[in-house]
Amino acid sequence: MPRFLAGLDPAVKAAIVTSLTTAIAGVIGFVILIWRLRREAQRAIDEIKSTEAMKLKLKIYEREVIKTVDLITDAGTALSGFARRFTSDLTIHKRGTEAGLPTIPPVARAPVLMELKASFDRAAIEIVAFTERWSVIDPRFEVFRIAINAALYDVNAEYAPYFDLVIRGMPMDLPAGLRWAPPTNEVLGAINATSDALLGRLVTMIAYTSDFLSEMQNTLVGPLFGNTSSRRQPIDPQHVVISLDNEAWLTRHFLENTAWGRTSGETEARIRAGLDHRPCD
């Protein structure tokens, strides 16, 4: 018993103890109440944050992801269709000429090809820009920036020889009239070969775009519905499928095993070497 209660009348002691007990219980109850209020407030804040985050993700998916995927899909389809149509027109003209049938020149024109390629490049860069804008949602988005850059590098590497060949095999609309000389069999074979190589790279880009759509569905809207989008299943297991779950391995793969990755690494090494040899002030 506390010393200050010694010597007091038992009734007084009982009253003091009762008061102290009541006061302590009141303090404890108040502390518990404050704790519960804070917990409920934090829960409400977390729910608001979660709701607002989901709204933002839905908006990003609707306004950016779908638009970006449609842009690159349409641009890739248009460029691929142009290349296929040109080789088909050349083949039909050749066979018709050999059979003595009336033929017409291909409809393909160089300015159209250049505009289609420029549109494709702009569309591909949209995915890169998206990852830079929204990496705060998930830093693993970076793998798509790397993958698209690598794929676009390969497209450009195949497009250069393709353009050099087809530009000489396409009709030209001049003030004096149409100018066109059908390509020789050798040139036609080379055009077909470079066209196939370019189409293969375009298919890869479209495949990565499909992976991008699947991963964005799973990350941005999947939690809302409790479902996940199935990933691409290529027939050839050597074809890479981009997934955020495999981001670390994919990043190493693109940096170490692609032409873009090796070129980027060499460029960075040269820059670092130049900085190391820069004279000090």
Protein backbone atom coordinates (compact mmCIF):
# COMPACT_ATOMS: atom_id res chain seq x y z
CA MET A 1 0.00 0.00 0.00
CA PRO A 2 1.39 3.47 -0.82
CA ARG A 3 2.82 5.30 2.21
CA PHE A 4 0.60 8.35 1.76
CA LEU A 5 -2.42 6.14 2.56
CA ALA A 6 -0.96 4.92 5.82
CA GLY A 7 -2.80 6.16 8.84
CA LEU A 8 -5.90 7.24 6.95
CA ASP A 9 -9.34 6.13 7.85
CA PRO A 10 -10.25 2.89 6.02
CA ALA A 11 -13.27 4.54 4.41
CA VAL A 12 -11.10 7.36 3.14
CA LYS A 13 -8.55 4.87 1.90
CA ALA A 14 -11.25 2.97 0.04
CA ALA A 15 -12.55 6.16 -1.52
CA ILE A 16 -9.07 7.22 -2.63
CA VAL A 17 -8.29 3.80 -4.09
CA THR A 18 -11.61 3.76 -5.90
CA SER A 19 -10.97 7.22 -7.32
CA LEU A 20 -7.45 6.31 -8.43
CA THR A 21 -8.70 3.12 -10.01
CA THR A 22 -11.44 5.01 -11.81
CA ALA A 23 -8.98 7.66 -12.98
CA ILE A 24 -6.48 5.06 -14.22
CA ALA A 25 -9.24 3.16 -15.97
CA GLY A 26 -10.39 6.40 -17.53
CA VAL A 27 -6.89 7.21 -18.76
CA ILE A 28 -6.46 3.72 -20.16
CA GLY A 29 -9.86 3.93 -21.82
CA PHE A 30 -8.97 7.31 -23.29
CA VAL A 31 -5.66 5.99 -24.63
CA ILE A 32 -7.42 3.00 -26.16
CA LEU A 33 -10.03 5.29 -27.69
CA ILE A 34 -7.36 7.52 -29.21
CA TRP A 35 -5.54 4.46 -30.54
CA ARG A 36 -8.73 3.12 -32.09
CA LEU A 37 -9.57 6.48 -33.61
CA ARG A 38 -6.09 6.75 -35.09
CA ARG A 39 -6.30 3.21 -36.43
CA GLU A 40 -9.70 3.88 -38.01
CA ALA A 41 -8.43 7.16 -39.43
CA GLN A 42 -5.38 5.44 -40.91
CA ARG A 43 -7.59 2.71 -42.32
CA ALA A 44 -9.83 5.33 -43.91
CA ILE A 45 -6.77 7.11 -45.33
CA ASP A 46 -5.41 3.83 -46.71
CA GLU A 47 -8.76 3.04 -48.30
CA ILE A 48 -8.94 6.48 -49.89
CA LYS A 49 -5.38 6.14 -51.17
CA SER A 50 -6.13 2.69 -52.55
CA THR A 51 -9.30 3.91 -54.24
CA GLU A 52 -7.59 6.93 -55.76
CA ALA A 53 -4.64 4.81 -56.89
CA MET A 54 -7.01 2.39 -58.61
CA LYS A 55 -8.83 5.27 -60.29
CA LEU A 56 -5.51 6.62 -61.55
CA LYS A 57 -4.43 3.20 -62.81
CA LEU A 58 -7.71 2.75 -64.67
CA LYS A 59 -7.31 6.18 -66.23
CA ILE A 60 -3.73 5.40 -67.29
CA TYR A 61 -4.81 2.09 -68.79
CA GLU A 62 -7.75 3.59 -70.69
CA ARG A 63 -6.07 6.77 -71.89
CA GLU A 64 -2.47 5.71 -72.40
CA VAL A 65 -1.94 1.96 -72.54
CA ILE A 66 -4.72 1.15 -75.00
CA LYS A 67 -3.86 4.18 -77.13
CA THR A 68 -0.17 3.29 -77.20
CA VAL A 69 -0.79 -0.36 -78.06
CA ASP A 70 -3.25 0.57 -80.81
CA LEU A 71 -0.79 3.07 -82.28
CA ILE A 72 2.11 0.65 -82.57
CA THR A 73 -0.09 -2.24 -83.68
CA ASP A 74 -1.67 -0.14 -86.43
CA ALA A 75 1.67 1.36 -87.47
CA GLY A 76 3.37 -2.05 -87.54
CA THR A 77 0.50 -3.58 -89.50
CA ALA A 78 0.55 -0.74 -92.01
CA LEU A 79 4.31 -0.97 -92.55
CA SER A 80 4.20 -4.76 -92.82
CA GLY A 81 1.27 -4.58 -95.22
CA PHE A 82 3.13 -2.11 -97.42
CA ALA A 83 6.19 -4.38 -97.62
CA ARG A 84 4.08 -7.46 -98.40
CA ARG A 85 2.02 -5.62 -100.99
CA PHE A 86 5.12 -4.34 -102.77
CA THR A 87 6.80 -7.74 -103.08
CA SER A 88 3.48 -9.25 -104.15
CA ASP A 89 3.00 -6.60 -106.84
CA LEU A 90 6.54 -7.15 -108.11
CA THR A 91 6.01 -10.92 -108.28
CA ILE A 92 2.65 -10.57 -110.06
CA HIS A 93 4.17 -8.14 -112.57
CA LYS A 94 7.07 -10.48 -113.26
CA ARG A 95 4.85 -13.50 -113.79
CA GLY A 96 2.40 -11.55 -115.90
CA THR A 97 5.18 -10.23 -118.09
CA GLU A 98 6.63 -13.71 -118.54
CA ALA A 99 3.19 -15.00 -119.52
CA GLY A 100 2.65 -12.17 -122.00
CA LEU A 101 -0.24 -10.70 -120.01
CA PRO A 102 -0.93 -7.00 -119.52
CA THR A 103 0.52 -5.73 -116.26
CA ILE A 104 0.58 -2.56 -114.20
CA PRO A 105 3.39 -1.10 -112.06
CA PRO A 106 3.29 -1.52 -108.28
CA VAL A 107 1.29 1.07 -106.33
CA ALA A 108 4.04 1.49 -103.75
CA ARG A 109 5.82 4.83 -103.55
CA ALA A 110 8.89 5.87 -101.56
CA PRO A 111 7.30 8.85 -99.75
CA VAL A 112 4.54 6.58 -98.45
CA LEU A 113 7.09 4.06 -97.20
CA MET A 114 9.08 6.76 -95.42
CA GLU A 115 5.97 8.14 -93.71
CA LEU A 116 4.89 4.67 -92.60
CA LYS A 117 8.32 4.04 -91.10
CA ALA A 118 8.30 7.41 -89.33
CA SER A 119 4.85 6.66 -87.89
CA PHE A 120 6.08 3.28 -86.69
CA ASP A 121 9.09 4.86 -84.97
CA ARG A 122 6.90 7.44 -83.23
CA ALA A 123 4.51 4.74 -82.04
CA ALA A 124 7.31 2.57 -80.66
CA ILE A 125 8.77 5.51 -78.75
CA GLU A 126 5.39 5.95 -77.03
CA ILE A 127 6.00 2.79 -75.01
CA VAL A 128 9.43 4.08 -74.01
CA ALA A 129 7.90 7.39 -72.96
CA PHE A 130 5.19 5.58 -71.00
CA THR A 131 7.74 3.65 -68.94
CA GLU A 132 9.58 6.86 -68.15
CA ARG A 133 6.38 8.62 -67.05
CA TRP A 134 5.00 5.84 -64.88
CA SER A 135 7.97 3.93 -63.47
CA VAL A 136 6.82 5.26 -60.08
CA ILE A 137 3.95 2.74 -60.26
CA ASP A 138 6.33 -0.16 -60.74
CA PRO A 139 10.08 0.30 -61.39
CA ARG A 140 10.02 -2.98 -63.33
CA PHE A 141 8.35 -1.11 -66.21
CA GLU A 142 11.94 -0.28 -67.17
CA VAL A 143 12.27 -3.68 -68.85
CA PHE A 144 9.85 -2.58 -71.57
CA ARG A 145 11.92 0.51 -72.31
CA ILE A 146 14.92 -1.74 -72.77
CA ALA A 147 13.05 -4.34 -74.83
CA ILE A 148 11.44 -1.80 -77.17
CA ASN A 149 14.74 0.00 -77.71
CA ALA A 150 16.40 -3.30 -78.58
CA ALA A 151 13.58 -4.31 -80.93
CA LEU A 152 13.52 -0.91 -82.64
CA TYR A 153 17.28 -1.07 -83.13
CA ASP A 154 16.86 -4.40 -84.92
CA VAL A 155 14.03 -3.03 -87.07
CA ASN A 156 16.20 -0.10 -88.13
CA ALA A 157 19.12 -2.43 -88.90
CA GLU A 158 16.93 -4.42 -91.32
CA TYR A 159 15.12 -1.38 -92.69
CA ALA A 160 18.29 0.30 -93.96
CA PRO A 161 19.24 -2.34 -96.56
CA TYR A 162 15.57 -2.89 -97.38
CA PHE A 163 15.04 0.79 -98.14
CA ASP A 164 18.21 0.99 -100.24
CA LEU A 165 16.93 -1.83 -102.44
CA VAL A 166 13.25 -0.99 -102.76
CA ILE A 167 13.82 2.71 -103.39
CA ARG A 168 15.39 1.70 -106.71
CA GLY A 169 12.61 -0.73 -107.51
CA MET A 170 9.64 1.53 -106.86
CA PRO A 171 7.92 3.67 -109.48
CA MET A 172 8.53 7.41 -109.30
CA ASP A 173 5.91 10.00 -110.17
CA LEU A 174 7.78 12.71 -112.08
CA PRO A 175 6.43 15.82 -113.85
CA ALA A 176 7.11 14.09 -117.16
CA GLY A 177 5.17 11.03 -116.07
CA LEU A 178 5.71 7.72 -114.34
CA ARG A 179 9.25 6.41 -114.28
CA TRP A 180 9.83 2.77 -113.46
CA ALA A 181 12.04 -0.08 -114.60
CA PRO A 182 11.07 -3.53 -113.31
CA PRO A 183 13.84 -5.00 -111.14
CA THR A 184 15.89 -7.89 -112.42
CA ASN A 185 15.37 -11.37 -111.03
CA GLU A 186 18.47 -10.93 -108.89
CA VAL A 187 17.25 -7.64 -107.43
CA LEU A 188 13.78 -9.06 -106.91
CA GLY A 189 15.26 -11.94 -104.93
CA ALA A 190 17.24 -9.52 -102.80
CA ILE A 191 14.13 -7.40 -102.18
CA ASN A 192 12.21 -10.48 -101.08
CA ALA A 193 15.03 -11.50 -98.72
CA THR A 194 15.38 -8.08 -97.10
CA SER A 195 11.60 -7.76 -96.89
CA ASP A 196 11.35 -11.07 -95.02
CA ALA A 197 14.08 -9.97 -92.60
CA LEU A 198 12.31 -6.66 -91.92
CA LEU A 199 8.95 -8.37 -91.46
CA GLY A 200 10.50 -10.73 -88.92
CA ARG A 201 11.75 -7.78 -86.84
CA LEU A 202 8.37 -6.08 -87.07
CA VAL A 203 6.69 -9.26 -85.80
CA THR A 204 9.02 -9.22 -82.79
CA MET A 205 8.09 -5.62 -82.02
CA ILE A 206 4.38 -6.42 -82.23
CA ALA A 207 4.94 -9.43 -79.94
CA TYR A 208 6.63 -7.24 -77.33
CA THR A 209 3.72 -4.82 -77.62
CA SER A 210 1.34 -7.70 -76.89
CA ASP A 211 3.43 -8.53 -73.80
CA PHE A 212 3.25 -4.89 -72.75
CA LEU A 213 -0.55 -4.96 -72.97
CA SER A 214 -0.78 -8.16 -70.91
CA GLU A 215 1.52 -6.90 -68.17
CA MET A 216 -0.25 -3.55 -67.97
CA GLN A 217 -3.59 -5.34 -67.67
CA ASN A 218 -2.27 -7.45 -64.81
CA THR A 219 -0.60 -4.53 -63.05
CA LEU A 220 -3.10 -1.73 -63.55
CA VAL A 221 -6.54 -3.34 -63.74
CA GLY A 222 -6.08 -6.99 -62.78
CA PRO A 223 -6.38 -6.38 -59.01
CA LEU A 224 -9.74 -4.69 -59.54
CA PHE A 225 -11.27 -7.80 -61.10
CA GLY A 226 -9.20 -10.45 -59.37
CA ASN A 227 -8.09 -11.95 -62.67
CA THR A 228 -4.89 -12.03 -64.69
CA SER A 229 -4.29 -11.86 -68.41
CA SER A 230 -2.56 -14.92 -69.86
CA ARG A 231 0.89 -14.34 -71.25
CA ARG A 232 1.95 -14.99 -74.82
CA GLN A 233 2.97 -18.57 -75.55
CA PRO A 234 5.29 -18.61 -78.61
CA ILE A 235 5.65 -21.84 -80.54
CA ASP A 236 9.43 -21.47 -80.52
CA PRO A 237 10.58 -21.43 -76.85
CA GLN A 238 13.65 -19.43 -77.87
CA HIS A 239 11.44 -16.40 -78.54
CA VAL A 240 11.51 -14.07 -75.57
CA VAL A 241 8.31 -13.21 -73.70
CA ILE A 242 8.44 -10.00 -71.66
CA SER A 243 7.06 -10.29 -68.13
CA LEU A 244 7.57 -8.17 -65.06
CA ASP A 245 8.09 -11.28 -62.95
CA ASN A 246 11.18 -12.08 -65.01
CA GLU A 247 12.41 -8.50 -65.23
CA ALA A 248 15.92 -9.04 -63.82
CA TRP A 249 16.82 -11.86 -66.22
CA LEU A 250 15.25 -10.07 -69.20
CA THR A 251 17.18 -6.88 -68.48
CA ARG A 252 20.47 -8.80 -68.47
CA HIS A 253 19.43 -10.63 -71.64
CA PHE A 254 18.69 -7.46 -73.60
CA LEU A 255 21.79 -5.67 -72.36
CA GLU A 256 24.15 -8.57 -72.99
CA ASN A 257 22.66 -10.52 -75.92
CA THR A 258 21.21 -7.95 -78.30
CA ALA A 259 22.85 -5.65 -80.81
CA TRP A 260 21.32 -2.63 -79.09
CA GLY A 261 22.58 -3.74 -75.69
CA ARG A 262 26.12 -4.36 -76.91
CA THR A 263 26.20 -1.07 -78.80
CA SER A 264 24.88 0.82 -75.79
CA GLY A 265 27.46 -0.84 -73.56
CA GLU A 266 30.31 0.04 -75.93
CA THR A 267 29.11 3.63 -76.20
CA GLU A 268 28.90 3.97 -72.44
CA ALA A 269 32.37 2.48 -72.05
CA ARG A 270 33.82 5.00 -74.51
CA ILE A 271 32.14 7.88 -72.72
CA ARG A 272 33.44 6.70 -69.35
CA ALA A 273 36.92 6.26 -70.78
CA GLY A 274 36.79 9.80 -72.13
CA LEU A 275 35.75 11.14 -68.75
CA ASP A 276 38.52 9.23 -67.00
CA HIS A 277 41.13 10.78 -69.30
CA ARG A 278 39.73 14.29 -69.07
CA PRO A 279 42.30 16.70 -67.63
CA CYS A 280 41.56 17.92 -64.14
CA ASP A 281 40.98 21.61 -63.52
